[in-house]
Amino acid sequence: KMTEDNLLCIDHRSLKAMNFITLASPNIGVEDLLKQRPFCCSKSVSIHDAAKYMKKMHLLTPTLQQLLLLDDKNLIIRMATDNQFLSPLKLFQNHLCFGNAKYDKLVSCSSALMLYGPEQTQFGLQFWDKMVSDNNKFCIEELNVRRDSTIDNDDDEDCWFNELRTVIEWKKIIVGWNQNRLTRNSSHFL
């Protein structure tokens, strides 16, 4: 039950929603990542195409269908556009999403940070290249995302999850680390 001050009342106690944090979460699914990856030895068939076929054969679990945006109920699309899902998110004072710049096998940087368009989908790789060229082993940085920035373009009507990006103000944190260098250099602690 909610109060007029947007406080959640449980057992006559009021709670205020402060921080909503996602860590490498597939906020907009994983289909973008799997459309780029070839299936098995085929260069012409992507993992996403193979998943469509597996769905027709009833071999794809409901969760994978949802993450690949192949489910009949369009759950992730509804979660990013429907006020039923967006209203509870609005109750939080702060919204943070963390995304890995590279080497996350399950969630792309653009899905974790809700980035859109050809320039934005390359942002993780650009961040990684900058980190490596600066000879950093680990780097974490907040994206300077303003309503009028080139990272988030509110006027982009083609973006199916634009409401999720614009109705709620997100702090977007990108993380990069060179796993090989960290492992090799930290082995003396063992």
C-alpha atoms as a PDB file:
ATOM      1  CA  LYS A   1       0.000   0.000   0.000  1.00  0.00           C
ATOM      2  CA  MET A   2       1.389   3.424  -0.965  1.00  0.00           C
ATOM      3  CA  THR A   3       1.033   6.730   0.912  1.00  0.00           C
ATOM      4  CA  GLU A   4       0.622  10.151  -0.672  1.00  0.00           C
ATOM      5  CA  ASP A   5       4.360  10.740  -0.174  1.00  0.00           C
ATOM      6  CA  ASN A   6       5.234   7.677  -2.282  1.00  0.00           C
ATOM      7  CA  LEU A   7       6.138   5.715   0.815  1.00  0.00           C
ATOM      8  CA  LEU A   8       5.478   1.995   0.960  1.00  0.00           C
ATOM      9  CA  CYS A   9       3.534   0.971   4.069  1.00  0.00           C
ATOM     10  CA  ILE A  10       4.167  -2.504   5.478  1.00  0.00           C
ATOM     11  CA  ASP A  11       2.819  -3.453   8.920  1.00  0.00           C
ATOM     12  CA  HIS A  12       2.183   0.227   9.772  1.00  0.00           C
ATOM     13  CA  ARG A  13       5.783   1.143   8.920  1.00  0.00           C
ATOM     14  CA  SER A  14       6.771   3.437   6.094  1.00  0.00           C
ATOM     15  CA  LEU A  15       9.582   2.606   3.715  1.00  0.00           C
ATOM     16  CA  LYS A  16      11.069   4.917   1.123  1.00  0.00           C
ATOM     17  CA  ALA A  17      12.391   3.434  -2.117  1.00  0.00           C
ATOM     18  CA  MET A  18      15.910   4.822  -2.398  1.00  0.00           C
ATOM     19  CA  ASN A  19      18.167   2.911  -4.821  1.00  0.00           C
ATOM     20  CA  PHE A  20      17.319   0.657  -7.736  1.00  0.00           C
ATOM     21  CA  ILE A  21      20.520  -0.973  -8.998  1.00  0.00           C
ATOM     22  CA  THR A  22      21.064  -3.424 -11.838  1.00  0.00           C
ATOM     23  CA  LEU A  23      24.383  -5.213 -12.319  1.00  0.00           C
ATOM     24  CA  ALA A  24      24.994  -6.404 -15.872  1.00  0.00           C
ATOM     25  CA  SER A  25      21.269  -7.088 -16.195  1.00  0.00           C
ATOM     26  CA  PRO A  26      19.720  -7.781 -19.590  1.00  0.00           C
ATOM     27  CA  ASN A  27      17.410  -4.763 -19.272  1.00  0.00           C
ATOM     28  CA  ILE A  28      16.461  -4.935 -22.938  1.00  0.00           C
ATOM     29  CA  GLY A  29      17.089  -8.641 -23.537  1.00  0.00           C
ATOM     30  CA  VAL A  30      20.037 -10.430 -25.110  1.00  0.00           C
ATOM     31  CA  GLU A  31      18.936 -10.675 -28.724  1.00  0.00           C
ATOM     32  CA  ASP A  32      21.335  -7.936 -29.874  1.00  0.00           C
ATOM     33  CA  LEU A  33      24.316  -9.955 -28.679  1.00  0.00           C
ATOM     34  CA  LEU A  34      23.135 -13.240 -30.180  1.00  0.00           C
ATOM     35  CA  LYS A  35      22.227 -11.781 -33.567  1.00  0.00           C
ATOM     36  CA  GLN A  36      25.934 -11.074 -34.041  1.00  0.00           C
ATOM     37  CA  ARG A  37      27.243 -14.501 -33.044  1.00  0.00           C
ATOM     38  CA  PRO A  38      27.318 -17.357 -35.559  1.00  0.00           C
ATOM     39  CA  PHE A  39      25.676 -20.621 -34.622  1.00  0.00           C
ATOM     40  CA  CYS A  40      28.142 -23.502 -34.386  1.00  0.00           C
ATOM     41  CA  CYS A  41      30.202 -23.640 -37.597  1.00  0.00           C
ATOM     42  CA  SER A  42      27.782 -21.632 -39.753  1.00  0.00           C
ATOM     43  CA  LYS A  43      28.666 -18.079 -40.710  1.00  0.00           C
ATOM     44  CA  SER A  44      25.234 -17.365 -42.195  1.00  0.00           C
ATOM     45  CA  VAL A  45      23.073 -18.557 -39.276  1.00  0.00           C
ATOM     46  CA  SER A  46      23.211 -16.625 -36.004  1.00  0.00           C
ATOM     47  CA  ILE A  47      22.465 -18.054 -32.573  1.00  0.00           C
ATOM     48  CA  HIS A  48      19.315 -15.901 -32.623  1.00  0.00           C
ATOM     49  CA  ASP A  49      18.161 -17.533 -35.875  1.00  0.00           C
ATOM     50  CA  ALA A  50      18.832 -20.974 -34.412  1.00  0.00           C
ATOM     51  CA  ALA A  51      16.823 -20.022 -31.311  1.00  0.00           C
ATOM     52  CA  LYS A  52      13.848 -19.057 -33.500  1.00  0.00           C
ATOM     53  CA  TYR A  53      13.963 -22.518 -35.053  1.00  0.00           C
ATOM     54  CA  MET A  54      14.290 -24.140 -31.614  1.00  0.00           C
ATOM     55  CA  LYS A  55      11.221 -22.212 -30.451  1.00  0.00           C
ATOM     56  CA  LYS A  56       9.191 -23.602 -33.349  1.00  0.00           C
ATOM     57  CA  MET A  57      10.276 -27.086 -32.299  1.00  0.00           C
ATOM     58  CA  HIS A  58       9.310 -26.317 -28.642  1.00  0.00           C
ATOM     59  CA  LEU A  59      12.921 -26.738 -27.501  1.00  0.00           C
ATOM     60  CA  LEU A  60      13.479 -23.224 -26.114  1.00  0.00           C
ATOM     61  CA  THR A  61      12.677 -22.564 -22.448  1.00  0.00           C
ATOM     62  CA  PRO A  62      10.274 -19.711 -21.589  1.00  0.00           C
ATOM     63  CA  THR A  63      13.048 -17.687 -19.923  1.00  0.00           C
ATOM     64  CA  LEU A  64      15.273 -17.877 -23.016  1.00  0.00           C
ATOM     65  CA  GLN A  65      12.320 -16.931 -25.200  1.00  0.00           C
ATOM     66  CA  GLN A  66      11.795 -13.845 -23.039  1.00  0.00           C
ATOM     67  CA  LEU A  67      15.473 -12.837 -23.053  1.00  0.00           C
ATOM     68  CA  LEU A  68      15.638 -13.276 -26.833  1.00  0.00           C
ATOM     69  CA  LEU A  69      12.428 -11.243 -27.255  1.00  0.00           C
ATOM     70  CA  LEU A  70      10.766 -14.267 -28.867  1.00  0.00           C
ATOM     71  CA  ASP A  71       8.039 -14.909 -26.291  1.00  0.00           C
ATOM     72  CA  ASP A  72       4.408 -14.491 -27.306  1.00  0.00           C
ATOM     73  CA  LYS A  73       3.646 -12.153 -24.385  1.00  0.00           C
ATOM     74  CA  ASN A  74       6.607  -9.830 -25.103  1.00  0.00           C
ATOM     75  CA  LEU A  75       7.435  -9.608 -21.404  1.00  0.00           C
ATOM     76  CA  ILE A  76      10.679  -7.594 -21.635  1.00  0.00           C
ATOM     77  CA  ILE A  77       9.169  -5.231 -24.201  1.00  0.00           C
ATOM     78  CA  ARG A  78       6.163  -4.703 -21.925  1.00  0.00           C
ATOM     79  CA  MET A  79       8.446  -4.177 -18.924  1.00  0.00           C
ATOM     80  CA  ALA A  80      10.290  -1.412 -20.793  1.00  0.00           C
ATOM     81  CA  THR A  81       7.185   0.330 -22.134  1.00  0.00           C
ATOM     82  CA  ASP A  82       4.156  -0.419 -19.949  1.00  0.00           C
ATOM     83  CA  ASN A  83       3.318   1.925 -17.088  1.00  0.00           C
ATOM     84  CA  GLN A  84       2.377  -1.099 -14.978  1.00  0.00           C
ATOM     85  CA  PHE A  85       6.102  -1.914 -14.797  1.00  0.00           C
ATOM     86  CA  LEU A  86       7.546   1.607 -15.059  1.00  0.00           C
ATOM     87  CA  SER A  87       5.466   3.114 -12.216  1.00  0.00           C
ATOM     88  CA  PRO A  88       7.129   1.069  -9.458  1.00  0.00           C
ATOM     89  CA  LEU A  89      10.552   2.026 -10.845  1.00  0.00           C
ATOM     90  CA  LYS A  90       9.638   5.700 -10.658  1.00  0.00           C
ATOM     91  CA  LEU A  91       9.204   5.374  -6.883  1.00  0.00           C
ATOM     92  CA  PHE A  92      12.960   4.976  -6.408  1.00  0.00           C
ATOM     93  CA  GLN A  93      15.001   8.137  -5.869  1.00  0.00           C
ATOM     94  CA  ASN A  94      18.107   6.803  -7.624  1.00  0.00           C
ATOM     95  CA  HIS A  95      18.447   4.459 -10.599  1.00  0.00           C
ATOM     96  CA  LEU A  96      21.845   2.942 -11.389  1.00  0.00           C
ATOM     97  CA  CYS A  97      22.749   0.417 -14.036  1.00  0.00           C
ATOM     98  CA  PHE A  98      26.177  -1.160 -14.344  1.00  0.00           C
ATOM     99  CA  GLY A  99      27.412  -2.751 -17.571  1.00  0.00           C
ATOM    100  CA  ASN A 100      30.588  -4.559 -18.558  1.00  0.00           C
ATOM    101  CA  ALA A 101      32.430  -2.928 -21.436  1.00  0.00           C
ATOM    102  CA  LYS A 102      33.526  -6.243 -22.966  1.00  0.00           C
ATOM    103  CA  TYR A 103      33.690  -9.987 -22.423  1.00  0.00           C
ATOM    104  CA  ASP A 104      30.311 -10.440 -20.801  1.00  0.00           C
ATOM    105  CA  LYS A 105      29.156 -13.569 -22.591  1.00  0.00           C
ATOM    106  CA  LEU A 106      25.512 -13.175 -21.592  1.00  0.00           C
ATOM    107  CA  VAL A 107      24.670  -9.463 -21.483  1.00  0.00           C
ATOM    108  CA  SER A 108      25.904  -6.865 -23.933  1.00  0.00           C
ATOM    109  CA  CYS A 109      27.040  -3.466 -22.733  1.00  0.00           C
ATOM    110  CA  SER A 110      24.214  -1.850 -24.701  1.00  0.00           C
ATOM    111  CA  SER A 111      21.557  -4.021 -23.013  1.00  0.00           C
ATOM    112  CA  ALA A 112      22.943  -3.481 -19.510  1.00  0.00           C
ATOM    113  CA  LEU A 113      23.197   0.301 -20.019  1.00  0.00           C
ATOM    114  CA  MET A 114      20.097   0.622 -22.228  1.00  0.00           C
ATOM    115  CA  LEU A 115      22.017   2.127 -25.140  1.00  0.00           C
ATOM    116  CA  TYR A 116      20.535   2.355 -28.624  1.00  0.00           C
ATOM    117  CA  GLY A 117      21.708   2.869 -32.187  1.00  0.00           C
ATOM    118  CA  PRO A 118      24.870   2.044 -34.132  1.00  0.00           C
ATOM    119  CA  GLU A 119      27.049   4.593 -32.322  1.00  0.00           C
ATOM    120  CA  GLN A 120      25.881   3.574 -28.860  1.00  0.00           C
ATOM    121  CA  THR A 121      26.224  -0.165 -29.394  1.00  0.00           C
ATOM    122  CA  GLN A 122      29.923   0.429 -30.080  1.00  0.00           C
ATOM    123  CA  PHE A 123      30.389   2.407 -26.878  1.00  0.00           C
ATOM    124  CA  GLY A 124      31.553  -0.608 -24.820  1.00  0.00           C
ATOM    125  CA  LEU A 125      34.292  -1.422 -27.329  1.00  0.00           C
ATOM    126  CA  GLN A 126      35.373   2.225 -27.517  1.00  0.00           C
ATOM    127  CA  PHE A 127      35.590   2.348 -23.705  1.00  0.00           C
ATOM    128  CA  TRP A 128      37.602  -0.888 -23.711  1.00  0.00           C
ATOM    129  CA  ASP A 129      40.021   0.392 -26.374  1.00  0.00           C
ATOM    130  CA  LYS A 130      40.566   3.611 -24.375  1.00  0.00           C
ATOM    131  CA  MET A 131      41.175   1.608 -21.200  1.00  0.00           C
ATOM    132  CA  VAL A 132      43.746  -0.635 -22.924  1.00  0.00           C
ATOM    133  CA  SER A 133      45.486   2.262 -24.687  1.00  0.00           C
ATOM    134  CA  ASP A 134      45.786   4.067 -21.319  1.00  0.00           C
ATOM    135  CA  ASN A 135      47.391   0.854 -19.995  1.00  0.00           C
ATOM    136  CA  ASN A 136      44.729   0.429 -17.295  1.00  0.00           C
ATOM    137  CA  LYS A 137      43.962  -2.962 -15.778  1.00  0.00           C
ATOM    138  CA  PHE A 138      40.642  -1.823 -14.370  1.00  0.00           C
ATOM    139  CA  CYS A 139      38.451   1.144 -15.156  1.00  0.00           C
ATOM    140  CA  ILE A 140      35.027   2.251 -13.967  1.00  0.00           C
ATOM    141  CA  GLU A 141      33.353   5.380 -15.222  1.00  0.00           C
ATOM    142  CA  GLU A 142      29.955   7.029 -15.118  1.00  0.00           C
ATOM    143  CA  LEU A 143      28.630   7.845 -18.545  1.00  0.00           C
ATOM    144  CA  ASN A 144      27.854  11.515 -18.763  1.00  0.00           C
ATOM    145  CA  VAL A 145      24.273  11.028 -19.891  1.00  0.00           C
ATOM    146  CA  ARG A 146      22.167  14.128 -20.168  1.00  0.00           C
ATOM    147  CA  ARG A 147      18.742  14.321 -21.714  1.00  0.00           C
ATOM    148  CA  ASP A 148      20.222  16.137 -24.727  1.00  0.00           C
ATOM    149  CA  SER A 149      23.361  14.023 -25.086  1.00  0.00           C
ATOM    150  CA  THR A 150      24.338  11.928 -28.067  1.00  0.00           C
ATOM    151  CA  ILE A 151      24.341   8.797 -25.899  1.00  0.00           C
ATOM    152  CA  ASP A 152      20.628   9.010 -25.147  1.00  0.00           C
ATOM    153  CA  ASN A 153      18.621  10.736 -27.843  1.00  0.00           C
ATOM    154  CA  ASP A 154      15.082  11.275 -26.531  1.00  0.00           C
ATOM    155  CA  ASP A 155      13.848  12.090 -30.031  1.00  0.00           C
ATOM    156  CA  ASP A 156      14.721   8.646 -31.330  1.00  0.00           C
ATOM    157  CA  GLU A 157      11.275   7.256 -32.106  1.00  0.00           C
ATOM    158  CA  ASP A 158      12.670   3.994 -33.514  1.00  0.00           C
ATOM    159  CA  CYS A 159      13.905   2.900 -30.094  1.00  0.00           C
ATOM    160  CA  TRP A 160      11.360   0.438 -28.687  1.00  0.00           C
ATOM    161  CA  PHE A 161      12.562   0.967 -25.106  1.00  0.00           C
ATOM    162  CA  ASN A 162      12.706   4.758 -25.261  1.00  0.00           C
ATOM    163  CA  GLU A 163      10.237   5.149 -22.377  1.00  0.00           C
ATOM    164  CA  LEU A 164      12.492   3.142 -20.068  1.00  0.00           C
ATOM    165  CA  ARG A 165      15.417   5.409 -21.006  1.00  0.00           C
ATOM    166  CA  THR A 166      13.595   8.735 -20.816  1.00  0.00           C
ATOM    167  CA  VAL A 167      10.834   8.445 -18.204  1.00  0.00           C
ATOM    168  CA  ILE A 168      13.349   7.324 -15.595  1.00  0.00           C
ATOM    169  CA  GLU A 169      16.672   9.085 -15.141  1.00  0.00           C
ATOM    170  CA  TRP A 170      19.479   6.518 -14.962  1.00  0.00           C
ATOM    171  CA  LYS A 171      23.073   6.823 -13.844  1.00  0.00           C
ATOM    172  CA  LYS A 172      24.956   4.548 -16.198  1.00  0.00           C
ATOM    173  CA  ILE A 173      28.209   3.037 -14.977  1.00  0.00           C
ATOM    174  CA  ILE A 174      30.518   1.212 -17.372  1.00  0.00           C
ATOM    175  CA  VAL A 175      33.122  -1.208 -16.034  1.00  0.00           C
ATOM    176  CA  GLY A 176      36.142  -2.667 -17.775  1.00  0.00           C
ATOM    177  CA  TRP A 177      38.915  -4.883 -16.557  1.00  0.00           C
ATOM    178  CA  ASN A 178      41.616  -6.813 -18.267  1.00  0.00           C
ATOM    179  CA  GLN A 179      41.027 -10.230 -16.749  1.00  0.00           C
ATOM    180  CA  ASN A 180      44.297 -11.746 -17.992  1.00  0.00           C
ATOM    181  CA  ARG A 181      46.446  -8.921 -16.646  1.00  0.00           C
ATOM    182  CA  LEU A 182      44.615  -8.836 -13.301  1.00  0.00           C
ATOM    183  CA  THR A 183      44.921 -12.598 -12.854  1.00  0.00           C
ATOM    184  CA  ARG A 184      48.573 -12.709 -13.887  1.00  0.00           C
ATOM    185  CA  ASN A 185      49.545  -9.719 -11.737  1.00  0.00           C
ATOM    186  CA  SER A 186      47.569 -10.803  -8.659  1.00  0.00           C
ATOM    187  CA  SER A 187      48.913 -14.368  -8.536  1.00  0.00           C
ATOM    188  CA  HIS A 188      51.572 -13.355  -6.017  1.00  0.00           C
ATOM    189  CA  PHE A 189      48.786 -12.967  -3.407  1.00  0.00           C
ATOM    190  CA  LEU A 190      48.077 -16.700  -3.491  1.00  0.00           C
END
